[in-house]
Amino acid sequence: QVQPAESGGGVVQAGDSLTLSCSVSGGTFVGDDMVAWYRQAPGKEREVIGTITWDAGSRHYADSMRGRFTIYRNYHENRAWLHMNGLKPEDTAIYYCNIQRDSVVYWGKGALVNVSS
């Protein structure tokens, strides 16, 4: 069983930056893993932010997320990261990472980010 675990959420002010991390609880990332970041704002559907492949580090972003969001991973720390700049109140959401491994998608429980104006 692969259990993603997000951390780093909290309450921030508009304009702040924040970085969330994704790890594998009780385990490690492996070469063919793909990590995706999503978010779900109150009353809205879950939307994709972007993805990164663990081995090659290839990144793709949803068009609406380009510019303020950066996804990266660190082999030595065994974590994937979502860095967010210039946060706005409308970025308030639960942020999720998922890991696709062997055609199965595993979801974390999410990290709440609350951006106050």
N, C-alpha and C. Protein backbone atom coordinates (compact mmCIF):
# COMPACT_ATOMS: atom_id res chain seq x y z
N GLN A 1 0.85 -1.19 0.00
CA GLN A 1 0.00 0.00 0.00
C GLN A 1 0.88 1.25 0.00
N VAL A 2 0.56 2.18 -0.87
CA VAL A 2 1.30 3.44 -0.97
C VAL A 2 0.44 4.51 -0.35
N GLN A 3 0.95 5.19 0.66
CA GLN A 3 0.18 6.23 1.32
C GLN A 3 0.90 7.56 1.23
N PRO A 4 0.45 8.44 0.32
CA PRO A 4 1.05 9.78 0.26
C PRO A 4 0.69 10.58 1.51
N ALA A 5 1.60 11.44 1.92
CA ALA A 5 1.36 12.27 3.10
C ALA A 5 1.79 13.69 2.78
N GLU A 6 0.82 14.61 2.82
CA GLU A 6 1.11 16.02 2.60
C GLU A 6 1.42 16.70 3.93
N SER A 7 2.26 17.73 3.86
CA SER A 7 2.53 18.54 5.04
C SER A 7 2.88 19.95 4.61
N GLY A 8 2.78 20.88 5.56
CA GLY A 8 3.17 22.26 5.30
C GLY A 8 2.02 23.23 5.15
N GLY A 9 0.79 22.74 5.26
CA GLY A 9 -0.35 23.64 5.14
C GLY A 9 -0.47 24.56 6.34
N GLY A 10 -1.34 25.55 6.22
CA GLY A 10 -1.56 26.47 7.34
C GLY A 10 -2.28 27.73 6.88
N VAL A 11 -2.26 28.71 7.74
CA VAL A 11 -2.89 30.01 7.46
C VAL A 11 -1.80 31.00 7.08
N VAL A 12 -1.98 31.65 5.94
CA VAL A 12 -1.01 32.64 5.46
C VAL A 12 -1.74 33.90 5.04
N GLN A 13 -0.99 34.95 4.84
CA GLN A 13 -1.55 36.21 4.37
C GLN A 13 -1.47 36.28 2.85
N ALA A 14 -2.38 37.02 2.27
CA ALA A 14 -2.33 37.24 0.83
C ALA A 14 -0.97 37.83 0.45
N GLY A 15 -0.41 37.30 -0.62
CA GLY A 15 0.91 37.74 -1.06
C GLY A 15 2.05 36.89 -0.56
N ASP A 16 1.79 36.06 0.46
CA ASP A 16 2.82 35.18 1.01
C ASP A 16 3.14 34.04 0.06
N SER A 17 4.22 33.37 0.35
CA SER A 17 4.59 32.13 -0.33
C SER A 17 4.48 30.98 0.66
N LEU A 18 4.28 29.81 0.12
CA LEU A 18 4.16 28.62 0.96
C LEU A 18 4.60 27.41 0.16
N THR A 19 5.26 26.48 0.84
CA THR A 19 5.68 25.25 0.19
C THR A 19 5.09 24.05 0.91
N LEU A 20 4.45 23.20 0.16
CA LEU A 20 3.90 21.95 0.68
C LEU A 20 4.80 20.80 0.25
N SER A 21 4.86 19.79 1.07
CA SER A 21 5.64 18.62 0.69
C SER A 21 4.76 17.38 0.64
N CYS A 22 5.22 16.43 -0.13
CA CYS A 22 4.54 15.14 -0.28
C CYS A 22 5.57 14.04 -0.08
N SER A 23 5.29 13.16 0.84
CA SER A 23 6.17 12.02 1.07
C SER A 23 5.34 10.74 1.02
N VAL A 24 6.01 9.62 1.06
CA VAL A 24 5.34 8.33 1.11
C VAL A 24 5.43 7.83 2.54
N SER A 25 4.29 7.82 3.21
CA SER A 25 4.28 7.42 4.61
C SER A 25 4.76 5.99 4.76
N GLY A 26 5.83 5.80 5.52
CA GLY A 26 6.35 4.46 5.75
C GLY A 26 7.05 3.85 4.56
N GLY A 27 7.35 4.64 3.56
CA GLY A 27 7.96 4.09 2.36
C GLY A 27 8.77 5.11 1.60
N THR A 28 9.03 4.81 0.35
CA THR A 28 9.82 5.70 -0.49
C THR A 28 9.21 5.82 -1.87
N PHE A 29 9.56 6.86 -2.55
CA PHE A 29 9.22 6.96 -3.97
C PHE A 29 10.10 5.97 -4.74
N VAL A 30 9.57 5.51 -5.89
CA VAL A 30 10.34 4.63 -6.75
C VAL A 30 10.37 5.23 -8.15
N GLY A 31 11.24 4.68 -8.98
CA GLY A 31 11.58 5.30 -10.25
C GLY A 31 10.43 5.70 -11.15
N ASP A 32 9.45 4.85 -11.32
CA ASP A 32 8.37 5.12 -12.27
C ASP A 32 7.21 5.89 -11.67
N ASP A 33 7.32 6.32 -10.45
CA ASP A 33 6.22 7.06 -9.84
C ASP A 33 5.98 8.37 -10.56
N MET A 34 4.71 8.74 -10.63
CA MET A 34 4.35 10.09 -11.04
C MET A 34 3.60 10.72 -9.88
N VAL A 35 4.01 11.92 -9.52
CA VAL A 35 3.38 12.66 -8.44
C VAL A 35 2.55 13.78 -9.04
N ALA A 36 1.34 13.90 -8.58
CA ALA A 36 0.46 14.97 -9.05
C ALA A 36 -0.02 15.79 -7.85
N TRP A 37 -0.16 17.07 -8.07
CA TRP A 37 -0.74 17.96 -7.06
C TRP A 37 -2.10 18.44 -7.55
N TYR A 38 -3.06 18.39 -6.67
CA TYR A 38 -4.41 18.87 -6.93
C TYR A 38 -4.81 19.80 -5.80
N ARG A 39 -5.88 20.51 -6.03
CA ARG A 39 -6.49 21.27 -4.94
C ARG A 39 -8.01 21.26 -5.10
N GLN A 40 -8.67 21.46 -3.97
CA GLN A 40 -10.12 21.55 -3.98
C GLN A 40 -10.54 22.68 -3.07
N ALA A 41 -11.07 23.72 -3.68
CA ALA A 41 -11.55 24.89 -2.93
C ALA A 41 -12.96 24.62 -2.42
N PRO A 42 -13.38 25.32 -1.38
CA PRO A 42 -14.73 25.10 -0.83
C PRO A 42 -15.80 25.27 -1.91
N GLY A 43 -16.64 24.28 -2.04
CA GLY A 43 -17.74 24.33 -2.98
C GLY A 43 -17.37 24.13 -4.44
N LYS A 44 -16.12 23.76 -4.69
CA LYS A 44 -15.67 23.58 -6.07
C LYS A 44 -15.14 22.16 -6.28
N GLU A 45 -14.98 21.81 -7.53
CA GLU A 45 -14.44 20.51 -7.85
C GLU A 45 -12.91 20.51 -7.69
N ARG A 46 -12.41 19.31 -7.49
CA ARG A 46 -10.96 19.16 -7.40
C ARG A 46 -10.34 19.47 -8.76
N GLU A 47 -9.24 20.22 -8.75
CA GLU A 47 -8.59 20.58 -10.00
C GLU A 47 -7.10 20.26 -9.92
N VAL A 48 -6.54 19.91 -11.07
CA VAL A 48 -5.14 19.55 -11.11
C VAL A 48 -4.28 20.80 -11.18
N ILE A 49 -3.17 20.75 -10.47
CA ILE A 49 -2.18 21.83 -10.53
C ILE A 49 -1.06 21.44 -11.49
N GLY A 50 -0.53 20.24 -11.31
CA GLY A 50 0.53 19.78 -12.18
C GLY A 50 1.09 18.44 -11.72
N THR A 51 2.03 17.95 -12.49
CA THR A 51 2.62 16.64 -12.21
C THR A 51 4.13 16.69 -12.36
N ILE A 52 4.76 15.70 -11.76
CA ILE A 52 6.20 15.53 -11.93
C ILE A 52 6.52 14.04 -11.89
N THR A 53 7.38 13.61 -12.79
CA THR A 53 7.82 12.22 -12.76
C THR A 53 9.00 12.11 -11.80
N TRP A 54 8.98 11.04 -11.01
CA TRP A 54 10.00 10.94 -9.97
C TRP A 54 11.39 10.75 -10.55
N ASP A 55 11.52 9.87 -11.53
CA ASP A 55 12.84 9.53 -12.04
C ASP A 55 13.45 10.67 -12.83
N ALA A 56 12.74 11.14 -13.85
CA ALA A 56 13.30 12.15 -14.75
C ALA A 56 13.05 13.58 -14.25
N GLY A 57 12.08 13.75 -13.37
CA GLY A 57 11.76 15.09 -12.92
C GLY A 57 11.04 15.93 -13.96
N SER A 58 10.39 15.30 -14.92
CA SER A 58 9.65 16.03 -15.94
C SER A 58 8.38 16.61 -15.35
N ARG A 59 8.15 17.89 -15.62
CA ARG A 59 7.02 18.57 -15.02
C ARG A 59 6.03 19.06 -16.07
N HIS A 60 4.77 19.02 -15.69
CA HIS A 60 3.71 19.57 -16.52
C HIS A 60 2.74 20.29 -15.59
N TYR A 61 2.24 21.42 -16.08
CA TYR A 61 1.31 22.22 -15.30
C TYR A 61 0.02 22.44 -16.06
N ALA A 62 -1.08 22.53 -15.33
CA ALA A 62 -2.33 22.98 -15.93
C ALA A 62 -2.14 24.43 -16.36
N ASP A 63 -2.76 24.79 -17.47
CA ASP A 63 -2.56 26.14 -18.01
C ASP A 63 -2.89 27.22 -16.98
N SER A 64 -3.94 26.99 -16.22
CA SER A 64 -4.38 28.00 -15.26
C SER A 64 -3.46 28.12 -14.05
N MET A 65 -2.53 27.17 -13.91
CA MET A 65 -1.65 27.15 -12.75
C MET A 65 -0.22 27.61 -13.07
N ARG A 66 0.03 27.89 -14.33
CA ARG A 66 1.38 28.30 -14.69
C ARG A 66 1.70 29.66 -14.09
N GLY A 67 2.94 29.78 -13.63
CA GLY A 67 3.42 31.08 -13.18
C GLY A 67 3.63 31.18 -11.69
N ARG A 68 2.64 30.83 -10.89
CA ARG A 68 2.76 31.00 -9.44
C ARG A 68 3.06 29.70 -8.69
N PHE A 69 2.96 28.57 -9.41
CA PHE A 69 3.15 27.28 -8.77
C PHE A 69 4.35 26.56 -9.39
N THR A 70 5.18 25.98 -8.54
CA THR A 70 6.33 25.22 -9.01
C THR A 70 6.36 23.88 -8.30
N ILE A 71 6.48 22.83 -9.09
CA ILE A 71 6.57 21.47 -8.54
C ILE A 71 7.99 20.98 -8.73
N TYR A 72 8.55 20.37 -7.71
CA TYR A 72 9.87 19.79 -7.83
C TYR A 72 10.00 18.62 -6.87
N ARG A 73 11.05 17.87 -7.04
CA ARG A 73 11.26 16.74 -6.15
C ARG A 73 12.74 16.68 -5.76
N ASN A 74 12.98 16.04 -4.61
CA ASN A 74 14.34 15.92 -4.11
C ASN A 74 14.59 14.46 -3.77
N TYR A 75 15.51 13.86 -4.50
CA TYR A 75 15.84 12.45 -4.27
C TYR A 75 16.30 12.19 -2.84
N HIS A 76 17.21 13.03 -2.37
CA HIS A 76 17.85 12.75 -1.07
C HIS A 76 16.85 12.90 0.07
N GLU A 77 15.94 13.85 -0.08
CA GLU A 77 14.93 14.05 0.96
C GLU A 77 13.73 13.14 0.76
N ASN A 78 13.70 12.48 -0.40
CA ASN A 78 12.59 11.58 -0.70
C ASN A 78 11.24 12.29 -0.56
N ARG A 79 11.18 13.47 -1.12
CA ARG A 79 9.96 14.27 -1.08
C ARG A 79 9.72 14.97 -2.41
N ALA A 80 8.45 15.21 -2.67
CA ALA A 80 8.05 16.09 -3.76
C ALA A 80 7.47 17.35 -3.12
N TRP A 81 7.60 18.46 -3.84
CA TRP A 81 7.23 19.74 -3.25
C TRP A 81 6.32 20.53 -4.19
N LEU A 82 5.46 21.33 -3.59
CA LEU A 82 4.67 22.30 -4.34
C LEU A 82 4.95 23.66 -3.72
N HIS A 83 5.61 24.52 -4.49
CA HIS A 83 5.91 25.86 -4.00
C HIS A 83 4.91 26.83 -4.64
N MET A 84 4.33 27.68 -3.81
CA MET A 84 3.30 28.61 -4.27
C MET A 84 3.71 30.05 -3.91
N ASN A 85 3.68 30.91 -4.91
CA ASN A 85 4.02 32.32 -4.72
C ASN A 85 2.78 33.20 -4.82
N GLY A 86 2.88 34.38 -4.24
CA GLY A 86 1.82 35.35 -4.42
C GLY A 86 0.44 34.81 -4.11
N LEU A 87 0.29 34.17 -2.98
CA LEU A 87 -0.99 33.52 -2.67
C LEU A 87 -2.12 34.53 -2.55
N LYS A 88 -3.28 34.12 -3.00
CA LYS A 88 -4.48 34.94 -2.99
C LYS A 88 -5.56 34.24 -2.18
N PRO A 89 -6.54 34.99 -1.69
CA PRO A 89 -7.62 34.33 -0.93
C PRO A 89 -8.29 33.20 -1.73
N GLU A 90 -8.37 33.36 -3.04
CA GLU A 90 -9.00 32.32 -3.86
C GLU A 90 -8.15 31.06 -3.99
N ASP A 91 -6.92 31.09 -3.48
CA ASP A 91 -6.11 29.88 -3.42
C ASP A 91 -6.42 29.05 -2.19
N THR A 92 -7.29 29.54 -1.33
CA THR A 92 -7.71 28.75 -0.17
C THR A 92 -8.35 27.45 -0.63
N ALA A 93 -7.79 26.35 -0.16
CA ALA A 93 -8.24 25.04 -0.62
C ALA A 93 -7.55 23.96 0.20
N ILE A 94 -8.01 22.75 0.02
CA ILE A 94 -7.26 21.59 0.48
C ILE A 94 -6.39 21.14 -0.68
N TYR A 95 -5.12 20.98 -0.42
CA TYR A 95 -4.15 20.60 -1.44
C TYR A 95 -3.78 19.13 -1.24
N TYR A 96 -3.86 18.39 -2.32
CA TYR A 96 -3.60 16.96 -2.29
C TYR A 96 -2.43 16.59 -3.19
N CYS A 97 -1.67 15.62 -2.76
CA CYS A 97 -0.78 14.98 -3.71
C CYS A 97 -1.28 13.56 -3.94
N ASN A 98 -1.06 13.07 -5.13
CA ASN A 98 -1.30 11.66 -5.37
C ASN A 98 -0.10 11.06 -6.07
N ILE A 99 0.01 9.79 -5.93
CA ILE A 99 1.12 9.04 -6.53
C ILE A 99 0.54 7.97 -7.43
N GLN A 100 0.93 8.02 -8.67
CA GLN A 100 0.54 6.96 -9.59
C GLN A 100 1.69 5.97 -9.70
N ARG A 101 1.39 4.73 -9.36
CA ARG A 101 2.41 3.68 -9.38
C ARG A 101 1.76 2.42 -9.92
N ASP A 102 2.37 1.87 -10.97
CA ASP A 102 1.86 0.63 -11.59
C ASP A 102 0.39 0.78 -11.94
N SER A 103 0.03 1.92 -12.50
CA SER A 103 -1.32 2.20 -12.99
C SER A 103 -2.36 2.35 -11.88
N VAL A 104 -1.92 2.43 -10.65
CA VAL A 104 -2.83 2.66 -9.53
C VAL A 104 -2.53 4.05 -8.95
N VAL A 105 -3.58 4.80 -8.65
CA VAL A 105 -3.43 6.15 -8.09
C VAL A 105 -3.76 6.11 -6.61
N TYR A 106 -2.83 6.60 -5.83
CA TYR A 106 -2.99 6.65 -4.37
C TYR A 106 -3.07 8.13 -3.96
N TRP A 107 -4.07 8.44 -3.12
CA TRP A 107 -4.29 9.82 -2.70
C TRP A 107 -3.89 10.04 -1.25
N GLY A 108 -3.32 11.22 -1.00
CA GLY A 108 -3.09 11.63 0.36
C GLY A 108 -4.36 12.20 0.96
N LYS A 109 -4.29 12.55 2.24
CA LYS A 109 -5.47 13.07 2.93
C LYS A 109 -5.63 14.57 2.76
N GLY A 110 -4.61 15.22 2.24
CA GLY A 110 -4.71 16.63 1.96
C GLY A 110 -4.14 17.52 3.04
N ALA A 111 -3.78 18.73 2.63
CA ALA A 111 -3.29 19.75 3.56
C ALA A 111 -4.07 21.03 3.30
N LEU A 112 -4.61 21.61 4.35
CA LEU A 112 -5.42 22.81 4.21
C LEU A 112 -4.53 24.04 4.14
N VAL A 113 -4.77 24.85 3.12
CA VAL A 113 -4.12 26.15 2.99
C VAL A 113 -5.21 27.21 3.04
N ASN A 114 -5.09 28.11 3.98
CA ASN A 114 -6.08 29.17 4.17
C ASN A 114 -5.38 30.50 3.98
N VAL A 115 -5.76 31.23 2.93
CA VAL A 115 -5.12 32.50 2.62
C VAL A 115 -6.06 33.63 3.04
N SER A 116 -5.61 34.42 4.00
CA SER A 116 -6.45 35.51 4.49
C SER A 116 -6.08 36.81 3.78
N SER A 117 -7.07 37.66 3.62
CA SER A 117 -6.85 38.92 2.89
C SER A 117 -6.38 40.03 3.82
